[in-house]
Amino acid sequence: MQPVVALLKNCATSLVLVALLYGLSPAGFALAQSDDAEQELAELQQELKARQQALQGSKADARELQSVLEQSEKDIGAVARRLNNTKTALAENRDQQEALKSRRDELEQAIAQQQELLGGQLRTAFISGNYDYAKMVFYQEDAARFERVLTYYKYLNEARQKEITQFKASVTELEQVNTQLQVKAQELSALLSDQERQQNELVARQQDRQQTLVKLRSKIASEESRIAQLREAEQALLEAIERAQRASQVPQELTGLSGEKGKLLKPASGTLRRLFGKRRQGQVRWKGIMIDGREGSAVKAIAHGRVIYSDWLRGFGLVTIIEHGDGYMSVYGHNQALLRSAGDAVAKGETVALLGQSGGQSSPNLYFEIRHKGKALNPLQWLDI
């Protein structure tokens, strides 16, 4: 209200000077001054009302854009998760093909050896045929020799039959392996098509997100609005942690992190930004650190625990919160995709998310916190870095 009063005083002074210059009477001047002041005040009030309405409209637009951003980043997370599964399936398919090719080579070598062995047996049988087997059976005068010949022929036939059986089995298995290789090749082609489609979809979703982000940033450009957004985001994180804690039952095997100070696994590969405790904006300070890394790279659990939150959170994007027992928990934000759900048990070093830039980030990074009974701890004192 003070700026309005000052403006009115300035207007009044100017009107007095004009009145004196043109010889107006004090009474006439007072009347003119009153009319002009009322008109000026009405105009100022009208402008103030318009600005307030515009501000409310901007806030409403910002809330709507936040919702659009949330959905966009969730969609990106879903596509990135499918793409990650496809990449895993591709790797498994290639491993299976390598194993089948190795088996095919073994079978082809075995078949070649069996063919050679059978050929030798057939040549032996042909040479032995010069002794006239039937004649030897019916006209054999030496009983001992006759018995040896019969035994020899019996052994020869059994050995030949065994090799023939093995040969047939090898040929049959080789045909099956070749069929499996054809199937795996078709599966590989389909997986590659899926990968290309998912990659294109991911790029399109990221472009949509970037457009929404530009609009949103223009709505919250002022420092006051930005500080309010940061405080709201921090409060949303605290509330999410409290809700998750109330809903969870801490397994007895989770004993906390008190003995792990300075030994915990770095949650992602990349460049560390030592932000904890530094001024963020206004009186808001950083409660964690950031690790700048490659989009889609692994985000790993710093210690064994249980996921108690896995969802999108305003200001932090796609977030995973892991409970470690005794009031300790770790927070992983700005992810591209979440790979574990609330309630899942996780081991130390297990990949729980993919690094990204959700939550309105302009470049891929991991936002990371460690908390004990709700209080933020300096991660630099806990991680093995």
Protein backbone atom coordinates (compact mmCIF):
# COMPACT_ATOMS: atom_id res chain seq x y z
CA MET A 1 0.00 0.00 0.00
CA GLN A 2 2.95 2.37 0.65
CA PRO A 3 3.86 2.62 -3.06
CA VAL A 4 0.27 3.68 -3.80
CA VAL A 5 0.40 6.43 -1.10
CA ALA A 6 3.72 7.71 -2.41
CA LEU A 7 2.33 7.78 -5.93
CA LEU A 8 -0.72 9.74 -4.77
CA LYS A 9 1.51 12.26 -2.95
CA ASN A 10 3.57 12.79 -6.10
CA CYS A 11 0.39 13.27 -8.11
CA ALA A 12 -0.88 15.78 -5.54
CA THR A 13 2.34 17.83 -5.65
CA SER A 14 2.22 17.96 -9.43
CA LEU A 15 -1.40 19.08 -9.41
CA VAL A 16 -0.63 21.90 -6.92
CA LEU A 17 2.06 23.28 -9.21
CA VAL A 18 -0.27 23.11 -12.20
CA ALA A 19 -3.01 24.89 -10.25
CA LEU A 20 -0.71 27.74 -9.20
CA LEU A 21 0.60 28.18 -12.73
CA TYR A 22 -2.89 28.48 -14.18
CA GLY A 23 -4.31 30.60 -11.37
CA LEU A 24 -6.85 28.14 -10.02
CA SER A 25 -8.45 28.95 -6.67
CA PRO A 26 -7.66 26.67 -3.71
CA ALA A 27 -11.24 25.40 -3.62
CA GLY A 28 -11.27 24.64 -7.34
CA PHE A 29 -7.92 22.98 -7.06
CA ALA A 30 -9.04 20.82 -4.14
CA LEU A 31 -12.02 19.58 -6.14
CA ALA A 32 -9.89 18.83 -9.18
CA GLN A 33 -7.26 17.13 -6.99
CA SER A 34 -9.90 14.90 -5.38
CA ASP A 35 -11.35 13.81 -8.72
CA ASP A 36 -7.92 13.08 -10.21
CA ALA A 37 -6.75 11.17 -7.13
CA GLU A 38 -9.85 9.00 -7.09
CA GLN A 39 -9.43 8.25 -10.77
CA GLU A 40 -5.73 7.45 -10.29
CA LEU A 41 -6.52 5.21 -7.31
CA ALA A 42 -9.21 3.38 -9.28
CA GLU A 43 -6.77 2.78 -12.13
CA LEU A 44 -4.11 1.50 -9.74
CA GLN A 45 -6.59 -0.82 -8.04
CA GLN A 46 -7.73 -2.10 -11.40
CA GLU A 47 -4.13 -2.78 -12.47
CA LEU A 48 -3.39 -4.49 -9.15
CA LYS A 49 -6.46 -6.70 -9.56
CA ALA A 50 -5.42 -7.59 -13.11
CA ARG A 51 -1.90 -8.48 -11.95
CA GLN A 52 -3.25 -10.61 -9.12
CA GLN A 53 -5.49 -12.45 -11.55
CA ALA A 54 -2.54 -12.94 -13.91
CA LEU A 55 -0.45 -14.25 -11.01
CA GLN A 56 -3.17 -16.70 -10.02
CA GLY A 57 -3.42 -17.76 -13.65
CA SER A 58 0.34 -18.30 -13.81
CA LYS A 59 0.24 -20.39 -10.64
CA ALA A 60 -2.60 -22.47 -12.06
CA ASP A 61 -0.66 -22.89 -15.30
CA ALA A 62 2.43 -23.90 -13.34
CA ARG A 63 0.45 -26.53 -11.41
CA GLU A 64 -0.99 -27.87 -14.63
CA LEU A 65 2.47 -27.97 -16.23
CA GLN A 66 3.81 -29.79 -13.16
CA SER A 67 1.16 -32.46 -13.73
CA VAL A 68 2.08 -32.67 -17.41
CA LEU A 69 5.78 -32.94 -16.48
CA GLU A 70 5.00 -35.69 -13.96
CA GLN A 71 3.12 -37.75 -16.55
CA SER A 72 5.80 -37.11 -19.18
CA GLU A 73 8.60 -38.28 -16.88
CA LYS A 74 6.60 -41.34 -15.80
CA ASP A 75 6.08 -42.21 -19.47
CA ILE A 76 9.81 -41.82 -20.09
CA GLY A 77 10.49 -44.10 -17.13
CA ALA A 78 8.14 -46.78 -18.47
CA VAL A 79 9.68 -46.67 -21.97
CA ALA A 80 13.23 -46.68 -20.56
CA ARG A 81 12.38 -49.70 -18.39
CA ARG A 82 11.03 -51.61 -21.41
CA LEU A 83 14.10 -50.62 -23.41
CA ASN A 84 16.36 -51.87 -20.62
CA ASN A 85 14.48 -55.20 -20.59
CA THR A 86 14.87 -55.45 -24.37
CA LYS A 87 18.63 -54.84 -24.11
CA THR A 88 18.85 -57.61 -21.50
CA ALA A 89 16.87 -59.97 -23.76
CA LEU A 90 19.16 -59.10 -26.69
CA ALA A 91 22.24 -59.97 -24.65
CA GLU A 92 20.68 -63.28 -23.55
CA ASN A 93 19.68 -64.08 -27.15
CA ARG A 94 23.22 -63.48 -28.40
CA ASP A 95 24.66 -65.66 -25.61
CA GLN A 96 22.21 -68.44 -26.50
CA GLN A 97 23.15 -68.19 -30.18
CA GLU A 98 26.84 -68.43 -29.31
CA ALA A 99 26.18 -71.55 -27.22
CA LEU A 100 24.15 -73.12 -30.04
CA LYS A 101 26.84 -72.34 -32.61
CA SER A 102 29.45 -73.89 -30.34
CA ARG A 103 27.30 -77.02 -29.99
CA ARG A 104 26.76 -77.10 -33.76
CA ASP A 105 30.53 -77.06 -34.33
CA GLU A 106 30.96 -79.91 -31.81
CA LEU A 107 28.27 -81.97 -33.54
CA GLU A 108 29.68 -81.39 -37.01
CA GLN A 109 33.09 -82.52 -35.77
CA ALA A 110 31.58 -85.58 -34.06
CA ILE A 111 29.61 -86.50 -37.19
CA ALA A 112 32.77 -86.29 -39.29
CA GLN A 113 34.59 -88.59 -36.86
CA GLN A 114 31.66 -91.02 -36.77
CA GLN A 115 31.53 -91.10 -40.57
CA GLU A 116 35.22 -91.90 -40.69
CA LEU A 117 34.85 -94.65 -38.07
CA LEU A 118 31.86 -96.20 -39.85
CA GLY A 119 33.73 -96.07 -43.11
CA GLY A 120 36.59 -97.98 -41.54
CA GLN A 121 34.23 -100.58 -40.12
CA LEU A 122 32.54 -101.04 -43.48
CA ARG A 123 35.90 -101.48 -45.19
CA THR A 124 36.86 -104.07 -42.56
CA ALA A 125 33.57 -105.88 -43.06
CA PHE A 126 34.08 -105.88 -46.83
CA ILE A 127 37.56 -107.33 -46.51
CA SER A 128 36.31 -109.91 -44.04
CA GLY A 129 33.63 -110.86 -46.53
CA ASN A 130 36.28 -112.66 -48.61
CA TYR A 131 36.17 -115.46 -46.03
CA ASP A 132 32.58 -116.33 -47.00
CA TYR A 133 30.74 -116.14 -43.70
CA ALA A 134 28.06 -118.71 -44.69
CA LYS A 135 30.67 -121.23 -45.76
CA MET A 136 32.58 -120.75 -42.52
CA VAL A 137 29.40 -121.39 -40.52
CA PHE A 138 28.42 -124.65 -42.23
CA TYR A 139 31.77 -126.16 -43.14
CA GLN A 140 34.00 -125.09 -40.30
CA GLU A 141 36.15 -128.05 -39.28
CA ASP A 142 38.04 -126.27 -36.47
CA ALA A 143 35.45 -125.67 -33.74
CA ALA A 144 37.64 -123.24 -31.79
CA ARG A 145 38.34 -121.15 -34.85
CA PHE A 146 34.67 -121.26 -35.78
CA GLU A 147 33.74 -119.85 -32.36
CA ARG A 148 36.29 -117.04 -32.69
CA VAL A 149 34.94 -116.02 -36.08
CA LEU A 150 31.37 -115.92 -34.79
CA THR A 151 32.42 -113.79 -31.83
CA TYR A 152 34.33 -111.43 -34.14
CA TYR A 153 31.36 -110.92 -36.44
CA LYS A 154 29.03 -110.40 -33.51
CA TYR A 155 31.36 -107.77 -32.00
CA LEU A 156 31.78 -106.08 -35.36
CA ASN A 157 28.03 -105.83 -35.91
CA GLU A 158 27.39 -104.51 -32.40
CA ALA A 159 30.10 -101.87 -32.72
CA ARG A 160 28.82 -100.83 -36.12
CA GLN A 161 25.24 -100.62 -34.83
CA LYS A 162 26.36 -98.49 -31.87
CA GLU A 163 28.20 -96.07 -34.13
CA ILE A 164 25.25 -95.91 -36.51
CA THR A 165 22.93 -95.09 -33.59
CA GLN A 166 25.28 -92.35 -32.34
CA PHE A 167 25.64 -91.01 -35.85
CA LYS A 168 21.86 -90.78 -36.30
CA ALA A 169 21.48 -89.09 -32.89
CA SER A 170 24.16 -86.53 -33.76
CA VAL A 171 22.53 -85.76 -37.11
CA THR A 172 19.12 -85.35 -35.43
CA GLU A 173 20.54 -83.04 -32.74
CA LEU A 174 22.37 -81.01 -35.38
CA GLU A 175 19.09 -80.49 -37.24
CA GLN A 176 17.45 -79.37 -33.98
CA VAL A 177 20.31 -76.96 -33.21
CA ASN A 178 20.08 -75.44 -36.69
CA THR A 179 16.32 -75.01 -36.23
CA GLN A 180 16.87 -73.35 -32.84
CA LEU A 181 19.43 -71.02 -34.40
CA GLN A 182 16.89 -69.97 -37.03
CA VAL A 183 14.31 -69.29 -34.29
CA LYS A 184 16.83 -67.28 -32.25
CA ALA A 185 17.78 -65.28 -35.34
CA GLN A 186 14.10 -64.42 -35.89
CA GLU A 187 13.73 -63.48 -32.21
CA LEU A 188 16.84 -61.31 -32.47
CA SER A 189 15.41 -59.49 -35.48
CA ALA A 190 12.15 -58.84 -33.59
CA LEU A 191 14.05 -57.63 -30.52
CA LEU A 192 16.12 -55.25 -32.62
CA SER A 193 12.92 -53.85 -34.13
CA ASP A 194 11.47 -53.42 -30.63
CA GLN A 195 14.64 -51.70 -29.50
CA GLU A 196 14.56 -49.24 -32.40
CA ARG A 197 10.87 -48.48 -31.83
CA GLN A 198 11.36 -48.03 -28.09
CA GLN A 199 14.40 -45.82 -28.66
CA ASN A 200 12.41 -43.60 -31.03
CA GLU A 201 9.55 -43.45 -28.54
CA LEU A 202 11.99 -42.51 -25.78
CA VAL A 203 13.41 -39.66 -27.87
CA ALA A 204 9.90 -38.38 -28.65
CA ARG A 205 8.90 -38.50 -24.96
CA GLN A 206 12.08 -36.64 -24.01
CA GLN A 207 11.30 -33.93 -26.57
CA ASP A 208 7.79 -33.54 -25.15
CA ARG A 209 9.27 -33.30 -21.66
CA GLN A 210 11.74 -30.62 -22.76
CA GLN A 211 8.95 -28.47 -24.21
CA THR A 212 6.95 -28.80 -20.99
CA LEU A 213 10.05 -27.97 -18.95
CA VAL A 214 10.71 -24.76 -20.88
CA LYS A 215 7.13 -23.60 -20.31
CA LEU A 216 7.26 -24.52 -16.62
CA ARG A 217 10.53 -22.69 -16.02
CA SER A 218 9.11 -19.53 -17.55
CA LYS A 219 6.23 -19.72 -15.07
CA ILE A 220 8.46 -20.07 -12.00
CA ALA A 221 11.30 -17.81 -13.11
CA SER A 222 11.22 -15.42 -10.12
CA GLU A 223 13.37 -16.21 -7.08
CA GLU A 224 10.36 -16.14 -4.77
CA SER A 225 8.52 -18.70 -6.87
CA ARG A 226 11.63 -20.85 -7.16
CA ILE A 227 12.20 -20.86 -3.39
CA ALA A 228 8.55 -21.77 -2.83
CA GLN A 229 8.92 -24.64 -5.30
CA LEU A 230 12.05 -25.92 -3.53
CA ARG A 231 10.38 -25.78 -0.12
CA GLU A 232 7.32 -27.57 -1.45
CA ALA A 233 9.55 -30.24 -3.01
CA GLU A 234 11.46 -30.76 0.24
CA GLN A 235 8.22 -31.00 2.20
CA ALA A 236 6.83 -33.47 -0.33
CA LEU A 237 9.93 -35.65 0.13
CA LEU A 238 9.62 -35.58 3.93
CA GLU A 239 5.93 -36.47 3.74
CA ALA A 240 6.66 -39.33 1.31
CA ILE A 241 9.29 -40.71 3.69
CA GLU A 242 6.93 -40.47 6.68
CA ARG A 243 4.10 -42.17 4.79
CA ALA A 244 6.39 -44.94 3.60
CA GLN A 245 7.76 -45.48 7.11
CA ARG A 246 4.29 -45.70 8.61
CA ALA A 247 3.22 -48.22 5.99
CA SER A 248 6.27 -50.47 6.31
CA GLN A 249 7.35 -53.10 8.78
CA VAL A 250 11.13 -53.06 9.21
CA PRO A 251 12.58 -56.57 8.77
CA GLN A 252 14.65 -57.71 11.74
CA GLU A 253 17.69 -58.39 9.55
CA LEU A 254 17.95 -54.65 8.69
CA THR A 255 20.16 -53.28 11.45
CA GLY A 256 21.01 -49.84 10.07
CA LEU A 257 24.15 -48.18 8.74
CA SER A 258 25.86 -47.03 11.94
CA GLY A 259 28.82 -49.36 11.40
CA GLU A 260 29.13 -48.51 7.69
CA LYS A 261 30.25 -44.87 7.88
CA GLY A 262 32.81 -44.24 5.15
CA LYS A 263 32.28 -47.73 3.68
CA LEU A 264 29.04 -47.37 1.71
CA LEU A 265 29.02 -48.00 -2.03
CA LYS A 266 28.95 -44.97 -4.35
CA PRO A 267 25.46 -45.23 -5.90
CA ALA A 268 26.39 -44.24 -9.47
CA SER A 269 29.36 -43.69 -11.74
CA GLY A 270 30.14 -40.10 -12.65
CA THR A 271 31.34 -36.72 -11.44
CA LEU A 272 30.48 -35.89 -7.85
CA ARG A 273 29.00 -32.50 -6.94
CA ARG A 274 29.67 -31.78 -3.25
CA LEU A 275 26.54 -29.78 -2.53
CA PHE A 276 25.50 -30.84 0.96
CA GLY A 277 24.93 -27.87 3.28
CA LYS A 278 25.56 -25.26 0.59
CA ARG A 279 23.02 -22.52 -0.08
CA ARG A 280 20.67 -23.56 -2.83
CA GLN A 281 18.43 -20.52 -3.17
CA GLY A 282 17.34 -18.01 -0.56
CA GLN A 283 17.52 -19.75 2.82
CA VAL A 284 17.08 -23.22 1.29
CA ARG A 285 20.17 -25.42 1.58
CA TRP A 286 21.16 -28.67 -0.11
CA LYS A 287 20.30 -31.83 1.82
CA GLY A 288 22.23 -34.19 -0.46
CA ILE A 289 24.70 -34.47 -3.32
CA MET A 290 24.53 -34.95 -7.09
CA ILE A 291 26.44 -37.30 -9.34
CA ASP A 292 26.57 -36.25 -12.99
CA GLY A 293 26.58 -39.37 -15.15
CA ARG A 294 25.48 -41.05 -18.36
CA GLU A 295 21.73 -41.26 -18.94
CA GLY A 296 20.46 -44.80 -18.58
CA SER A 297 23.46 -45.98 -16.53
CA ALA A 298 22.98 -48.06 -13.38
CA VAL A 299 21.90 -46.58 -10.04
CA LYS A 300 22.86 -49.04 -7.29
CA ALA A 301 21.80 -49.58 -3.69
CA ILE A 302 24.49 -48.38 -1.27
CA ALA A 303 23.71 -51.23 1.14
CA HIS A 304 21.20 -54.03 1.53
CA GLY A 305 17.70 -52.95 2.50
CA ARG A 306 14.12 -52.76 1.36
CA VAL A 307 12.44 -50.36 -1.07
CA ILE A 308 9.75 -48.35 0.72
CA TYR A 309 9.02 -45.79 -2.02
CA SER A 310 9.22 -46.03 -5.80
CA ASP A 311 7.30 -43.32 -7.66
CA TRP A 312 7.39 -39.80 -9.08
CA LEU A 313 7.79 -36.94 -6.58
CA ARG A 314 7.55 -33.24 -7.35
CA GLY A 315 10.96 -31.60 -7.50
CA PHE A 316 12.79 -34.94 -7.44
CA GLY A 317 11.24 -36.76 -10.40
CA LEU A 318 11.30 -40.56 -10.30
CA VAL A 319 12.51 -41.48 -6.82
CA THR A 320 13.51 -44.68 -5.04
CA ILE A 321 13.82 -44.68 -1.23
CA ILE A 322 15.49 -47.64 0.47
CA GLU A 323 15.11 -48.41 4.17
CA HIS A 324 18.18 -49.89 5.88
CA GLY A 325 16.88 -50.29 9.45
CA ASP A 326 17.34 -48.34 12.71
CA GLY A 327 15.87 -45.22 11.07
CA TYR A 328 18.45 -45.09 8.25
CA MET A 329 17.38 -44.66 4.64
CA SER A 330 18.87 -43.63 1.30
CA VAL A 331 17.15 -41.50 -1.35
CA TYR A 332 17.82 -41.75 -5.11
CA GLY A 333 16.21 -39.04 -7.29
CA HIS A 334 16.15 -37.66 -10.87
CA ASN A 335 16.04 -41.23 -12.27
CA GLN A 336 15.09 -42.13 -15.83
CA ALA A 337 13.38 -45.37 -14.79
CA LEU A 338 12.66 -47.26 -11.57
CA LEU A 339 13.50 -50.99 -11.67
CA ARG A 340 12.34 -52.02 -8.20
CA SER A 341 8.96 -51.62 -6.51
CA ALA A 342 7.97 -50.78 -2.95
CA GLY A 343 8.40 -53.85 -0.76
CA ASP A 344 11.26 -55.36 -2.79
CA ALA A 345 14.34 -56.50 -0.87
CA VAL A 346 17.59 -55.28 -2.46
CA ALA A 347 21.20 -56.30 -2.00
CA LYS A 348 24.22 -54.03 -1.78
CA GLY A 349 25.24 -53.06 -5.31
CA GLU A 350 21.96 -54.18 -6.89
CA THR A 351 20.70 -51.94 -9.71
CA VAL A 352 17.49 -50.28 -8.52
CA ALA A 353 17.06 -47.54 -11.14
CA LEU A 354 18.49 -45.97 -14.29
CA LEU A 355 20.16 -42.56 -14.04
CA GLY A 356 18.24 -39.75 -15.75
CA GLN A 357 17.05 -36.16 -15.60
CA SER A 358 13.52 -36.36 -14.25
CA GLY A 359 12.23 -33.74 -11.85
CA GLY A 360 12.93 -30.95 -14.32
CA GLN A 361 16.69 -31.45 -14.63
CA SER A 362 18.49 -30.11 -17.70
CA SER A 363 21.19 -32.81 -17.69
CA PRO A 364 21.37 -36.42 -16.44
CA ASN A 365 22.39 -36.83 -12.81
CA LEU A 366 21.56 -38.71 -9.63
CA TYR A 367 20.33 -36.76 -6.60
CA PHE A 368 21.31 -38.69 -3.49
CA GLU A 369 20.56 -38.32 0.21
CA ILE A 370 21.16 -40.32 3.38
CA ARG A 371 18.76 -39.70 6.27
CA HIS A 372 18.60 -40.93 9.85
CA LYS A 373 15.25 -40.62 11.58
CA GLY A 374 14.29 -37.90 9.10
CA LYS A 375 17.46 -35.81 9.48
CA ALA A 376 19.65 -35.36 6.41
CA LEU A 377 23.25 -36.59 6.85
CA ASN A 378 26.26 -35.56 4.78
CA PRO A 379 26.65 -38.39 2.22
CA LEU A 380 30.32 -37.52 1.71
CA GLN A 381 31.06 -38.77 5.23
CA TRP A 382 29.31 -42.09 4.59
CA LEU A 383 30.28 -43.09 1.06
CA ASP A 384 33.53 -44.85 0.17
CA ILE A 385 34.83 -42.19 -2.25
